[in-house]
Amino acid sequence: MKDYTPEVQRLFLEMMLEDAETYVRVQNIYNADNFDRSIREAARFIKKHSDDYKTLPTREQIQAATGVELRTVPDLREGHYDWFLTEFEGFSRKQELERAILKAADMIEPLKQDGL
């Protein structure tokens, strides 16, 4: 499986902030808990702000609220967003699968202890 480094995950957030339509397109699979611990609070803030105010927060708001600095990504074109959509879907799928596997393992452990 592909490794989505914290730097790639940060780029996902930065690209979303460049284009609200892109954020809207991935909103149904966006889960802040999927992001690396170092940027998770920023991801949560983006989601909550978007839900509460129906607009993406500014980078300044994110930094003030979470301490995470997200940069602008200049000169993005359609092909860049095609990459983003493909990669973000893969990232989301991988993270959700990992979470499901860990949850299943946690559920199996008590059964083993009970001799089942």
PDB file of N, CA and C in Angstrom:
ATOM      1  N   MET A   1       0.830  -1.192   0.000  1.00  0.00           N
ATOM      2  CA  MET A   1       0.000   0.000   0.000  1.00  0.00           C
ATOM      3  C   MET A   1       0.868   1.246   0.000  1.00  0.00           C
ATOM      4  N   LYS A   2       0.367   2.277  -0.578  1.00  0.00           N
ATOM      5  CA  LYS A   2       1.077   3.537  -0.668  1.00  0.00           C
ATOM      6  C   LYS A   2       1.176   4.217   0.699  1.00  0.00           C
ATOM      7  N   ASP A   3       2.320   4.866   0.934  1.00  0.00           N
ATOM      8  CA  ASP A   3       2.516   5.590   2.181  1.00  0.00           C
ATOM      9  C   ASP A   3       2.192   7.066   1.957  1.00  0.00           C
ATOM     10  N   TYR A   4       1.288   7.584   2.746  1.00  0.00           N
ATOM     11  CA  TYR A   4       0.912   8.998   2.669  1.00  0.00           C
ATOM     12  C   TYR A   4       1.571   9.720   3.841  1.00  0.00           C
ATOM     13  N   THR A   5       2.723  10.308   3.583  1.00  0.00           N
ATOM     14  CA  THR A   5       3.508  10.961   4.616  1.00  0.00           C
ATOM     15  C   THR A   5       2.763  12.171   5.183  1.00  0.00           C
ATOM     16  N   PRO A   6       3.175  12.636   6.352  1.00  0.00           N
ATOM     17  CA  PRO A   6       2.570  13.868   6.883  1.00  0.00           C
ATOM     18  C   PRO A   6       2.693  15.046   5.912  1.00  0.00           C
ATOM     19  N   GLU A   7       3.767  15.086   5.134  1.00  0.00           N
ATOM     20  CA  GLU A   7       3.933  16.172   4.166  1.00  0.00           C
ATOM     21  C   GLU A   7       2.874  16.102   3.066  1.00  0.00           C
ATOM     22  N   VAL A   8       2.569  14.899   2.603  1.00  0.00           N
ATOM     23  CA  VAL A   8       1.524  14.732   1.585  1.00  0.00           C
ATOM     24  C   VAL A   8       0.164  15.096   2.183  1.00  0.00           C
ATOM     25  N   GLN A   9      -0.071  14.672   3.406  1.00  0.00           N
ATOM     26  CA  GLN A   9      -1.336  14.989   4.069  1.00  0.00           C
ATOM     27  C   GLN A   9      -1.493  16.498   4.256  1.00  0.00           C
ATOM     28  N   ARG A  10      -0.404  17.170   4.591  1.00  0.00           N
ATOM     29  CA  ARG A  10      -0.426  18.631   4.727  1.00  0.00           C
ATOM     30  C   ARG A  10      -0.759  19.266   3.374  1.00  0.00           C
ATOM     31  N   LEU A  11      -0.176  18.736   2.315  1.00  0.00           N
ATOM     32  CA  LEU A  11      -0.461  19.243   0.974  1.00  0.00           C
ATOM     33  C   LEU A  11      -1.940  19.068   0.630  1.00  0.00           C
ATOM     34  N   PHE A  12      -2.538  17.953   1.039  1.00  0.00           N
ATOM     35  CA  PHE A  12      -3.976  17.776   0.817  1.00  0.00           C
ATOM     36  C   PHE A  12      -4.761  18.943   1.429  1.00  0.00           C
ATOM     37  N   LEU A  13      -4.464  19.273   2.684  1.00  0.00           N
ATOM     38  CA  LEU A  13      -5.175  20.372   3.340  1.00  0.00           C
ATOM     39  C   LEU A  13      -4.912  21.692   2.629  1.00  0.00           C
ATOM     40  N   GLU A  14      -3.675  21.918   2.241  1.00  0.00           N
ATOM     41  CA  GLU A  14      -3.322  23.166   1.559  1.00  0.00           C
ATOM     42  C   GLU A  14      -4.041  23.293   0.219  1.00  0.00           C
ATOM     43  N   MET A  15      -4.143  22.198  -0.511  1.00  0.00           N
ATOM     44  CA  MET A  15      -4.837  22.236  -1.794  1.00  0.00           C
ATOM     45  C   MET A  15      -6.334  22.460  -1.613  1.00  0.00           C
ATOM     46  N   MET A  16      -6.914  21.884  -0.565  1.00  0.00           N
ATOM     47  CA  MET A  16      -8.335  22.103  -0.297  1.00  0.00           C
ATOM     48  C   MET A  16      -8.617  23.578  -0.033  1.00  0.00           C
ATOM     49  N   LEU A  17      -7.708  24.223   0.677  1.00  0.00           N
ATOM     50  CA  LEU A  17      -7.902  25.636   1.007  1.00  0.00           C
ATOM     51  C   LEU A  17      -7.791  26.530  -0.221  1.00  0.00           C
ATOM     52  N   GLU A  18      -7.126  26.066  -1.264  1.00  0.00           N
ATOM     53  CA  GLU A  18      -7.000  26.837  -2.498  1.00  0.00           C
ATOM     54  C   GLU A  18      -8.290  26.853  -3.307  1.00  0.00           C
ATOM     55  N   ASP A  19      -9.119  25.822  -3.121  1.00  0.00           N
ATOM     56  CA  ASP A  19     -10.300  25.682  -3.967  1.00  0.00           C
ATOM     57  C   ASP A  19     -11.430  25.023  -3.170  1.00  0.00           C
ATOM     58  N   ALA A  20     -12.395  25.804  -2.750  1.00  0.00           N
ATOM     59  CA  ALA A  20     -13.494  25.290  -1.931  1.00  0.00           C
ATOM     60  C   ALA A  20     -14.252  24.169  -2.645  1.00  0.00           C
ATOM     61  N   GLU A  21     -14.366  24.236  -3.952  1.00  0.00           N
ATOM     62  CA  GLU A  21     -15.071  23.191  -4.698  1.00  0.00           C
ATOM     63  C   GLU A  21     -14.383  21.834  -4.519  1.00  0.00           C
ATOM     64  N   THR A  22     -13.079  21.849  -4.450  1.00  0.00           N
ATOM     65  CA  THR A  22     -12.334  20.610  -4.233  1.00  0.00           C
ATOM     66  C   THR A  22     -12.659  20.034  -2.860  1.00  0.00           C
ATOM     67  N   TYR A  23     -12.705  20.895  -1.859  1.00  0.00           N
ATOM     68  CA  TYR A  23     -13.083  20.431  -0.522  1.00  0.00           C
ATOM     69  C   TYR A  23     -14.484  19.822  -0.548  1.00  0.00           C
ATOM     70  N   VAL A  24     -15.412  20.494  -1.200  1.00  0.00           N
ATOM     71  CA  VAL A  24     -16.787  19.997  -1.282  1.00  0.00           C
ATOM     72  C   VAL A  24     -16.817  18.624  -1.955  1.00  0.00           C
ATOM     73  N   ARG A  25     -15.992  18.430  -2.971  1.00  0.00           N
ATOM     74  CA  ARG A  25     -15.984  17.155  -3.696  1.00  0.00           C
ATOM     75  C   ARG A  25     -15.511  15.989  -2.845  1.00  0.00           C
ATOM     76  N   VAL A  26     -14.679  16.253  -1.823  1.00  0.00           N
ATOM     77  CA  VAL A  26     -14.184  15.158  -0.984  1.00  0.00           C
ATOM     78  C   VAL A  26     -14.837  15.146   0.402  1.00  0.00           C
ATOM     79  N   GLN A  27     -15.754  16.040   0.629  1.00  0.00           N
ATOM     80  CA  GLN A  27     -16.357  16.186   1.952  1.00  0.00           C
ATOM     81  C   GLN A  27     -16.968  14.882   2.468  1.00  0.00           C
ATOM     82  N   ASN A  28     -17.550  14.089   1.590  1.00  0.00           N
ATOM     83  CA  ASN A  28     -18.208  12.855   2.038  1.00  0.00           C
ATOM     84  C   ASN A  28     -17.212  11.782   2.495  1.00  0.00           C
ATOM     85  N   ILE A  29     -15.942  11.893   2.128  1.00  0.00           N
ATOM     86  CA  ILE A  29     -14.940  10.928   2.597  1.00  0.00           C
ATOM     87  C   ILE A  29     -13.915  11.577   3.530  1.00  0.00           C
ATOM     88  N   TYR A  30     -14.061  12.865   3.785  1.00  0.00           N
ATOM     89  CA  TYR A  30     -13.136  13.610   4.634  1.00  0.00           C
ATOM     90  C   TYR A  30     -13.349  13.224   6.095  1.00  0.00           C
ATOM     91  N   ASN A  31     -12.296  12.729   6.720  1.00  0.00           N
ATOM     92  CA  ASN A  31     -12.348  12.369   8.134  1.00  0.00           C
ATOM     93  C   ASN A  31     -11.077  12.920   8.775  1.00  0.00           C
ATOM     94  N   ALA A  32     -11.229  13.896   9.631  1.00  0.00           N
ATOM     95  CA  ALA A  32     -10.066  14.545  10.247  1.00  0.00           C
ATOM     96  C   ALA A  32      -9.208  13.551  11.023  1.00  0.00           C
ATOM     97  N   ASP A  33      -9.812  12.494  11.535  1.00  0.00           N
ATOM     98  CA  ASP A  33      -9.056  11.493  12.290  1.00  0.00           C
ATOM     99  C   ASP A  33      -8.078  10.719  11.406  1.00  0.00           C
ATOM    100  N   ASN A  34      -8.236  10.812  10.095  1.00  0.00           N
ATOM    101  CA  ASN A  34      -7.316  10.130   9.184  1.00  0.00           C
ATOM    102  C   ASN A  34      -5.957  10.815   9.095  1.00  0.00           C
ATOM    103  N   PHE A  35      -5.904  12.079   9.492  1.00  0.00           N
ATOM    104  CA  PHE A  35      -4.685  12.854   9.304  1.00  0.00           C
ATOM    105  C   PHE A  35      -3.667  12.595  10.417  1.00  0.00           C
ATOM    106  N   ASP A  36      -2.416  12.794  10.086  1.00  0.00           N
ATOM    107  CA  ASP A  36      -1.319  12.650  11.024  1.00  0.00           C
ATOM    108  C   ASP A  36      -1.555  13.538  12.248  1.00  0.00           C
ATOM    109  N   ARG A  37      -1.103  13.065  13.380  1.00  0.00           N
ATOM    110  CA  ARG A  37      -1.293  13.782  14.644  1.00  0.00           C
ATOM    111  C   ARG A  37      -0.804  15.228  14.568  1.00  0.00           C
ATOM    112  N   SER A  38       0.268  15.476  13.804  1.00  0.00           N
ATOM    113  CA  SER A  38       0.855  16.816  13.742  1.00  0.00           C
ATOM    114  C   SER A  38      -0.062  17.849  13.079  1.00  0.00           C
ATOM    115  N   ILE A  39      -1.017  17.398  12.264  1.00  0.00           N
ATOM    116  CA  ILE A  39      -1.926  18.323  11.574  1.00  0.00           C
ATOM    117  C   ILE A  39      -3.404  18.000  11.812  1.00  0.00           C
ATOM    118  N   ARG A  40      -3.662  17.038  12.670  1.00  0.00           N
ATOM    119  CA  ARG A  40      -5.048  16.588  12.902  1.00  0.00           C
ATOM    120  C   ARG A  40      -5.944  17.707  13.419  1.00  0.00           C
ATOM    121  N   GLU A  41      -5.425  18.539  14.327  1.00  0.00           N
ATOM    122  CA  GLU A  41      -6.248  19.630  14.857  1.00  0.00           C
ATOM    123  C   GLU A  41      -6.623  20.619  13.762  1.00  0.00           C
ATOM    124  N   ALA A  42      -5.709  20.871  12.839  1.00  0.00           N
ATOM    125  CA  ALA A  42      -6.029  21.754  11.706  1.00  0.00           C
ATOM    126  C   ALA A  42      -7.116  21.116  10.847  1.00  0.00           C
ATOM    127  N   ALA A  43      -7.012  19.812  10.606  1.00  0.00           N
ATOM    128  CA  ALA A  43      -8.020  19.111   9.810  1.00  0.00           C
ATOM    129  C   ALA A  43      -9.382  19.162  10.500  1.00  0.00           C
ATOM    130  N   ARG A  44      -9.398  19.004  11.812  1.00  0.00           N
ATOM    131  CA  ARG A  44     -10.653  19.084  12.565  1.00  0.00           C
ATOM    132  C   ARG A  44     -11.236  20.499  12.511  1.00  0.00           C
ATOM    133  N   PHE A  45     -10.354  21.495  12.643  1.00  0.00           N
ATOM    134  CA  PHE A  45     -10.809  22.882  12.602  1.00  0.00           C
ATOM    135  C   PHE A  45     -11.433  23.203  11.248  1.00  0.00           C
ATOM    136  N   ILE A  46     -10.800  22.746  10.164  1.00  0.00           N
ATOM    137  CA  ILE A  46     -11.333  22.986   8.817  1.00  0.00           C
ATOM    138  C   ILE A  46     -12.729  22.385   8.698  1.00  0.00           C
ATOM    139  N   LYS A  47     -12.896  21.157   9.151  1.00  0.00           N
ATOM    140  CA  LYS A  47     -14.190  20.471   9.061  1.00  0.00           C
ATOM    141  C   LYS A  47     -15.258  21.195   9.882  1.00  0.00           C
ATOM    142  N   LYS A  48     -14.929  21.517  11.138  1.00  0.00           N
ATOM    143  CA  LYS A  48     -15.907  22.167  12.017  1.00  0.00           C
ATOM    144  C   LYS A  48     -16.271  23.558  11.491  1.00  0.00           C
ATOM    145  N   HIS A  49     -15.281  24.317  11.066  1.00  0.00           N
ATOM    146  CA  HIS A  49     -15.544  25.661  10.544  1.00  0.00           C
ATOM    147  C   HIS A  49     -16.428  25.576   9.299  1.00  0.00           C
ATOM    148  N   SER A  50     -16.116  24.656   8.425  1.00  0.00           N
ATOM    149  CA  SER A  50     -16.900  24.482   7.200  1.00  0.00           C
ATOM    150  C   SER A  50     -18.341  24.081   7.527  1.00  0.00           C
ATOM    151  N   ASP A  51     -18.506  23.171   8.476  1.00  0.00           N
ATOM    152  CA  ASP A  51     -19.856  22.739   8.874  1.00  0.00           C
ATOM    153  C   ASP A  51     -20.637  23.884   9.527  1.00  0.00           C
ATOM    154  N   ASP A  52     -19.957  24.630  10.406  1.00  0.00           N
ATOM    155  CA  ASP A  52     -20.627  25.682  11.172  1.00  0.00           C
ATOM    156  C   ASP A  52     -20.930  26.928  10.335  1.00  0.00           C
ATOM    157  N   TYR A  53     -20.001  27.311   9.464  1.00  0.00           N
ATOM    158  CA  TYR A  53     -20.113  28.592   8.765  1.00  0.00           C
ATOM    159  C   TYR A  53     -20.274  28.484   7.250  1.00  0.00           C
ATOM    160  N   LYS A  54     -20.283  27.261   6.749  1.00  0.00           N
ATOM    161  CA  LYS A  54     -20.499  27.009   5.310  1.00  0.00           C
ATOM    162  C   LYS A  54     -19.452  27.693   4.421  1.00  0.00           C
ATOM    163  N   THR A  55     -18.265  27.851   4.965  1.00  0.00           N
ATOM    164  CA  THR A  55     -17.134  28.379   4.202  1.00  0.00           C
ATOM    165  C   THR A  55     -15.859  27.840   4.824  1.00  0.00           C
ATOM    166  N   LEU A  56     -14.816  27.759   4.021  1.00  0.00           N
ATOM    167  CA  LEU A  56     -13.538  27.306   4.550  1.00  0.00           C
ATOM    168  C   LEU A  56     -12.898  28.413   5.385  1.00  0.00           C
ATOM    169  N   PRO A  57     -12.185  28.045   6.431  1.00  0.00           N
ATOM    170  CA  PRO A  57     -11.491  29.062   7.220  1.00  0.00           C
ATOM    171  C   PRO A  57     -10.271  29.590   6.463  1.00  0.00           C
ATOM    172  N   THR A  58      -9.786  30.724   6.892  1.00  0.00           N
ATOM    173  CA  THR A  58      -8.547  31.249   6.309  1.00  0.00           C
ATOM    174  C   THR A  58      -7.364  30.540   6.953  1.00  0.00           C
ATOM    175  N   ARG A  59      -6.229  30.642   6.316  1.00  0.00           N
ATOM    176  CA  ARG A  59      -5.010  30.071   6.889  1.00  0.00           C
ATOM    177  C   ARG A  59      -4.684  30.730   8.231  1.00  0.00           C
ATOM    178  N   GLU A  60      -4.973  32.020   8.325  1.00  0.00           N
ATOM    179  CA  GLU A  60      -4.720  32.736   9.571  1.00  0.00           C
ATOM    180  C   GLU A  60      -5.603  32.214  10.698  1.00  0.00           C
ATOM    181  N   GLN A  61      -6.854  31.924  10.393  1.00  0.00           N
ATOM    182  CA  GLN A  61      -7.752  31.351  11.403  1.00  0.00           C
ATOM    183  C   GLN A  61      -7.236  29.991  11.862  1.00  0.00           C
ATOM    184  N   ILE A  62      -6.821  29.181  10.922  1.00  0.00           N
ATOM    185  CA  ILE A  62      -6.316  27.834  11.243  1.00  0.00           C
ATOM    186  C   ILE A  62      -5.087  27.942  12.140  1.00  0.00           C
ATOM    187  N   GLN A  63      -4.165  28.822  11.774  1.00  0.00           N
ATOM    188  CA  GLN A  63      -2.949  28.953  12.565  1.00  0.00           C
ATOM    189  C   GLN A  63      -3.253  29.501  13.959  1.00  0.00           C
ATOM    190  N   ALA A  64      -4.131  30.485  14.046  1.00  0.00           N
ATOM    191  CA  ALA A  64      -4.473  31.058  15.343  1.00  0.00           C
ATOM    192  C   ALA A  64      -5.153  30.028  16.241  1.00  0.00           C
ATOM    193  N   ALA A  65      -6.011  29.202  15.661  1.00  0.00           N
ATOM    194  CA  ALA A  65      -6.783  28.240  16.456  1.00  0.00           C
ATOM    195  C   ALA A  65      -6.016  26.964  16.776  1.00  0.00           C
ATOM    196  N   THR A  66      -5.091  26.566  15.889  1.00  0.00           N
ATOM    197  CA  THR A  66      -4.449  25.257  16.048  1.00  0.00           C
ATOM    198  C   THR A  66      -2.929  25.309  16.133  1.00  0.00           C
ATOM    199  N   GLY A  67      -2.332  26.428  15.735  1.00  0.00           N
ATOM    200  CA  GLY A  67      -0.874  26.516  15.705  1.00  0.00           C
ATOM    201  C   GLY A  67      -0.253  25.890  14.471  1.00  0.00           C
ATOM    202  N   VAL A  68      -1.087  25.381  13.570  1.00  0.00           N
ATOM    203  CA  VAL A  68      -0.589  24.743  12.341  1.00  0.00           C
ATOM    204  C   VAL A  68      -0.577  25.780  11.222  1.00  0.00           C
ATOM    205  N   GLU A  69       0.578  25.928  10.600  1.00  0.00           N
ATOM    206  CA  GLU A  69       0.702  26.860   9.491  1.00  0.00           C
ATOM    207  C   GLU A  69       0.584  26.104   8.167  1.00  0.00           C
ATOM    208  N   LEU A  70      -0.418  26.481   7.391  1.00  0.00           N
ATOM    209  CA  LEU A  70      -0.616  25.891   6.071  1.00  0.00           C
ATOM    210  C   LEU A  70      -0.281  26.948   5.021  1.00  0.00           C
ATOM    211  N   ARG A  71       0.503  26.557   4.036  1.00  0.00           N
ATOM    212  CA  ARG A  71       0.958  27.493   3.007  1.00  0.00           C
ATOM    213  C   ARG A  71      -0.024  27.550   1.839  1.00  0.00           C
ATOM    214  N   THR A  72       0.136  28.590   1.028  1.00  0.00           N
ATOM    215  CA  THR A  72      -0.602  28.654  -0.228  1.00  0.00           C
ATOM    216  C   THR A  72       0.120  27.766  -1.236  1.00  0.00           C
ATOM    217  N   VAL A  73      -0.631  27.272  -2.202  1.00  0.00           N
ATOM    218  CA  VAL A  73      -0.061  26.447  -3.261  1.00  0.00           C
ATOM    219  C   VAL A  73      -0.369  27.171  -4.571  1.00  0.00           C
ATOM    220  N   PRO A  74       0.601  27.930  -5.084  1.00  0.00           N
ATOM    221  CA  PRO A  74       0.337  28.737  -6.279  1.00  0.00           C
ATOM    222  C   PRO A  74       0.273  27.902  -7.561  1.00  0.00           C
ATOM    223  N   ASP A  75      -0.374  28.471  -8.554  1.00  0.00           N
ATOM    224  CA  ASP A  75      -0.373  27.937  -9.925  1.00  0.00           C
ATOM    225  C   ASP A  75      -0.948  26.537 -10.069  1.00  0.00           C
ATOM    226  N   LEU A  76      -1.992  26.231  -9.304  1.00  0.00           N
ATOM    227  CA  LEU A  76      -2.619  24.917  -9.451  1.00  0.00           C
ATOM    228  C   LEU A  76      -3.527  24.908 -10.680  1.00  0.00           C
ATOM    229  N   ARG A  77      -3.452  23.804 -11.402  1.00  0.00           N
ATOM    230  CA  ARG A  77      -4.271  23.628 -12.599  1.00  0.00           C
ATOM    231  C   ARG A  77      -5.144  22.387 -12.430  1.00  0.00           C
ATOM    232  N   GLU A  78      -5.992  22.161 -13.426  1.00  0.00           N
ATOM    233  CA  GLU A  78      -6.935  21.038 -13.359  1.00  0.00           C
ATOM    234  C   GLU A  78      -6.229  19.706 -13.105  1.00  0.00           C
ATOM    235  N   GLY A  79      -5.106  19.486 -13.754  1.00  0.00           N
ATOM    236  CA  GLY A  79      -4.366  18.232 -13.572  1.00  0.00           C
ATOM    237  C   GLY A  79      -3.902  18.033 -12.142  1.00  0.00           C
ATOM    238  N   HIS A  80      -3.571  19.122 -11.471  1.00  0.00           N
ATOM    239  CA  HIS A  80      -3.171  19.028 -10.071  1.00  0.00           C
ATOM    240  C   HIS A  80      -4.335  18.545  -9.217  1.00  0.00           C
ATOM    241  N   TYR A  81      -5.514  19.063  -9.517  1.00  0.00           N
ATOM    242  CA  TYR A  81      -6.693  18.643  -8.748  1.00  0.00           C
ATOM    243  C   TYR A  81      -7.119  17.225  -9.104  1.00  0.00           C
ATOM    244  N   ASP A  82      -6.878  16.788 -10.328  1.00  0.00           N
ATOM    245  CA  ASP A  82      -7.130  15.386 -10.682  1.00  0.00           C
ATOM    246  C   ASP A  82      -6.254  14.477  -9.817  1.00  0.00           C
ATOM    247  N   TRP A  83      -4.979  14.855  -9.691  1.00  0.00           N
ATOM    248  CA  TRP A  83      -4.057  14.105  -8.829  1.00  0.00           C
ATOM    249  C   TRP A  83      -4.584  14.099  -7.393  1.00  0.00           C
ATOM    250  N   PHE A  84      -4.960  15.272  -6.908  1.00  0.00           N
ATOM    251  CA  PHE A  84      -5.459  15.394  -5.539  1.00  0.00           C
ATOM    252  C   PHE A  84      -6.639  14.458  -5.295  1.00  0.00           C
ATOM    253  N   LEU A  85      -7.632  14.491  -6.182  1.00  0.00           N
ATOM    254  CA  LEU A  85      -8.832  13.673  -5.978  1.00  0.00           C
ATOM    255  C   LEU A  85      -8.495  12.194  -5.943  1.00  0.00           C
ATOM    256  N   THR A  86      -7.635  11.752  -6.856  1.00  0.00           N
ATOM    257  CA  THR A  86      -7.229  10.342  -6.892  1.00  0.00           C
ATOM    258  C   THR A  86      -6.476   9.957  -5.631  1.00  0.00           C
ATOM    259  N   GLU A  87      -5.496  10.774  -5.267  1.00  0.00           N
ATOM    260  CA  GLU A  87      -4.668  10.470  -4.101  1.00  0.00           C
ATOM    261  C   GLU A  87      -5.448  10.584  -2.795  1.00  0.00           C
ATOM    262  N   PHE A  88      -6.321  11.574  -2.679  1.00  0.00           N
ATOM    263  CA  PHE A  88      -7.080  11.737  -1.445  1.00  0.00           C
ATOM    264  C   PHE A  88      -8.033  10.562  -1.239  1.00  0.00           C
ATOM    265  N   GLU A  89      -8.614  10.075  -2.323  1.00  0.00           N
ATOM    266  CA  GLU A  89      -9.470   8.896  -2.214  1.00  0.00           C
ATOM    267  C   GLU A  89      -8.660   7.694  -1.733  1.00  0.00           C
ATOM    268  N   GLY A  90      -7.472   7.494  -2.305  1.00  0.00           N
ATOM    269  CA  GLY A  90      -6.612   6.392  -1.876  1.00  0.00           C
ATOM    270  C   GLY A  90      -6.190   6.530  -0.421  1.00  0.00           C
ATOM    271  N   PHE A  91      -5.836   7.739  -0.019  1.00  0.00           N
ATOM    272  CA  PHE A  91      -5.457   8.023   1.360  1.00  0.00           C
ATOM    273  C   PHE A  91      -6.620   7.702   2.304  1.00  0.00           C
ATOM    274  N   SER A  92      -7.803   8.175   1.979  1.00  0.00           N
ATOM    275  CA  SER A  92      -8.974   7.950   2.831  1.00  0.00           C
ATOM    276  C   SER A  92      -9.284   6.468   2.946  1.00  0.00           C
ATOM    277  N   ARG A  93      -9.230   5.781   1.823  1.00  0.00           N
ATOM    278  CA  ARG A  93      -9.515   4.339   1.822  1.00  0.00           C
ATOM    279  C   ARG A  93      -8.500   3.603   2.708  1.00  0.00           C
ATOM    280  N   LYS A  94      -7.224   3.922   2.561  1.00  0.00           N
ATOM    281  CA  LYS A  94      -6.169   3.266   3.342  1.00  0.00           C
ATOM    282  C   LYS A  94      -6.352   3.525   4.829  1.00  0.00           C
ATOM    283  N   GLN A  95      -6.607   4.766   5.202  1.00  0.00           N
ATOM    284  CA  GLN A  95      -6.745   5.104   6.619  1.00  0.00           C
ATOM    285  C   GLN A  95      -7.965   4.428   7.236  1.00  0.00           C
ATOM    286  N   GLU A  96      -9.082   4.418   6.515  1.00  0.00           N
ATOM    287  CA  GLU A  96     -10.299   3.782   7.037  1.00  0.00           C
ATOM    288  C   GLU A  96     -10.112   2.274   7.165  1.00  0.00           C
ATOM    289  N   LEU A  97      -9.407   1.672   6.212  1.00  0.00           N
ATOM    290  CA  LEU A  97      -9.135   0.235   6.264  1.00  0.00           C
ATOM    291  C   LEU A  97      -8.245  -0.090   7.461  1.00  0.00           C
ATOM    292  N   GLU A  98      -7.202   0.702   7.672  1.00  0.00           N
ATOM    293  CA  GLU A  98      -6.336   0.485   8.829  1.00  0.00           C
ATOM    294  C   GLU A  98      -7.121   0.586  10.129  1.00  0.00           C
ATOM    295  N   ARG A  99      -7.988   1.583  10.225  1.00  0.00           N
ATOM    296  CA  ARG A  99      -8.798   1.764  11.434  1.00  0.00           C
ATOM    297  C   ARG A  99      -9.712   0.552  11.642  1.00  0.00           C
ATOM    298  N   ALA A 100     -10.319   0.056  10.584  1.00  0.00           N
ATOM    299  CA  ALA A 100     -11.211  -1.109  10.690  1.00  0.00           C
ATOM    300  C   ALA A 100     -10.442  -2.352  11.132  1.00  0.00           C
ATOM    301  N   ILE A 101      -9.232  -2.523  10.606  1.00  0.00           N
ATOM    302  CA  ILE A 101      -8.416  -3.680  10.993  1.00  0.00           C
ATOM    303  C   ILE A 101      -8.052  -3.601  12.466  1.00  0.00           C
ATOM    304  N   LEU A 102      -7.644  -2.416  12.923  1.00  0.00           N
ATOM    305  CA  LEU A 102      -7.285  -2.260  14.333  1.00  0.00           C
ATOM    306  C   LEU A 102      -8.493  -2.476  15.236  1.00  0.00           C
ATOM    307  N   LYS A 103      -9.643  -2.001  14.825  1.00  0.00           N
ATOM    308  CA  LYS A 103     -10.854  -2.190  15.613  1.00  0.00           C
ATOM    309  C   LYS A 103     -11.214  -3.675  15.689  1.00  0.00           C
ATOM    310  N   ALA A 104     -11.094  -4.377  14.557  1.00  0.00           N
ATOM    311  CA  ALA A 104     -11.388  -5.813  14.538  1.00  0.00           C
ATOM    312  C   ALA A 104     -10.431  -6.568  15.452  1.00  0.00           C
ATOM    313  N   ALA A 105      -9.157  -6.190  15.418  1.00  0.00           N
ATOM    314  CA  ALA A 105      -8.180  -6.844  16.287  1.00  0.00           C
ATOM    315  C   ALA A 105      -8.521  -6.608  17.750  1.00  0.00           C
ATOM    316  N   ASP A 106      -8.947  -5.395  18.087  1.00  0.00           N
ATOM    317  CA  ASP A 106      -9.353  -5.092  19.465  1.00  0.00           C
ATOM    318  C   ASP A 106     -10.573  -5.908  19.878  1.00  0.00           C
ATOM    319  N   MET A 107     -11.460  -6.180  18.924  1.00  0.00           N
ATOM    320  CA  MET A 107     -12.662  -6.952  19.230  1.00  0.00           C
ATOM    321  C   MET A 107     -12.337  -8.444  19.386  1.00  0.00           C
ATOM    322  N   ILE A 108     -11.330  -8.926  18.670  1.00  0.00           N
ATOM    323  CA  ILE A 108     -10.967 -10.338  18.713  1.00  0.00           C
ATOM    324  C   ILE A 108     -10.204 -10.679  19.992  1.00  0.00           C
ATOM    325  N   GLU A 109      -9.392  -9.749  20.475  1.00  0.00           N
ATOM    326  CA  GLU A 109      -8.555 -10.008  21.659  1.00  0.00           C
ATOM    327  C   GLU A 109      -9.344 -10.500  22.871  1.00  0.00           C
ATOM    328  N   PRO A 110     -10.464  -9.885  23.236  1.00  0.00           N
ATOM    329  CA  PRO A 110     -11.226 -10.413  24.393  1.00  0.00           C
ATOM    330  C   PRO A 110     -11.753 -11.829  24.135  1.00  0.00           C
ATOM    331  N   LEU A 111     -12.070 -12.142  22.905  1.00  0.00           N
ATOM    332  CA  LEU A 111     -12.556 -13.488  22.570  1.00  0.00           C
ATOM    333  C   LEU A 111     -11.458 -14.506  22.801  1.00  0.00           C
ATOM    334  N   LYS A 112     -10.224 -14.142  22.436  1.00  0.00           N
ATOM    335  CA  LYS A 112      -9.087 -15.052  22.657  1.00  0.00           C
ATOM    336  C   LYS A 112      -8.880 -15.271  24.155  1.00  0.00           C
ATOM    337  N   GLN A 113      -9.021 -14.211  24.931  1.00  0.00           N
ATOM    338  CA  GLN A 113      -8.820 -14.316  26.368  1.00  0.00           C
ATOM    339  C   GLN A 113      -9.899 -15.186  27.014  1.00  0.00           C
ATOM    340  N   ASP A 114     -11.083 -15.222  26.419  1.00  0.00           N
ATOM    341  CA  ASP A 114     -12.172 -16.045  26.937  1.00  0.00           C
ATOM    342  C   ASP A 114     -12.084 -17.473  26.424  1.00  0.00           C
ATOM    343  N   GLY A 115     -11.066 -17.765  25.632  1.00  0.00           N
ATOM    344  CA  GLY A 115     -10.875 -19.114  25.122  1.00  0.00           C
ATOM    345  C   GLY A 115     -11.721 -19.436  23.909  1.00  0.00           C
ATOM    346  N   LEU A 116     -12.265 -18.447  23.257  1.00  0.00           N
ATOM    347  CA  LEU A 116     -13.098 -18.701  22.060  1.00  0.00           C
ATOM    348  C   LEU A 116     -12.270 -18.662  20.814  1.00  0.00           C
TER     349      LEU A 116
END
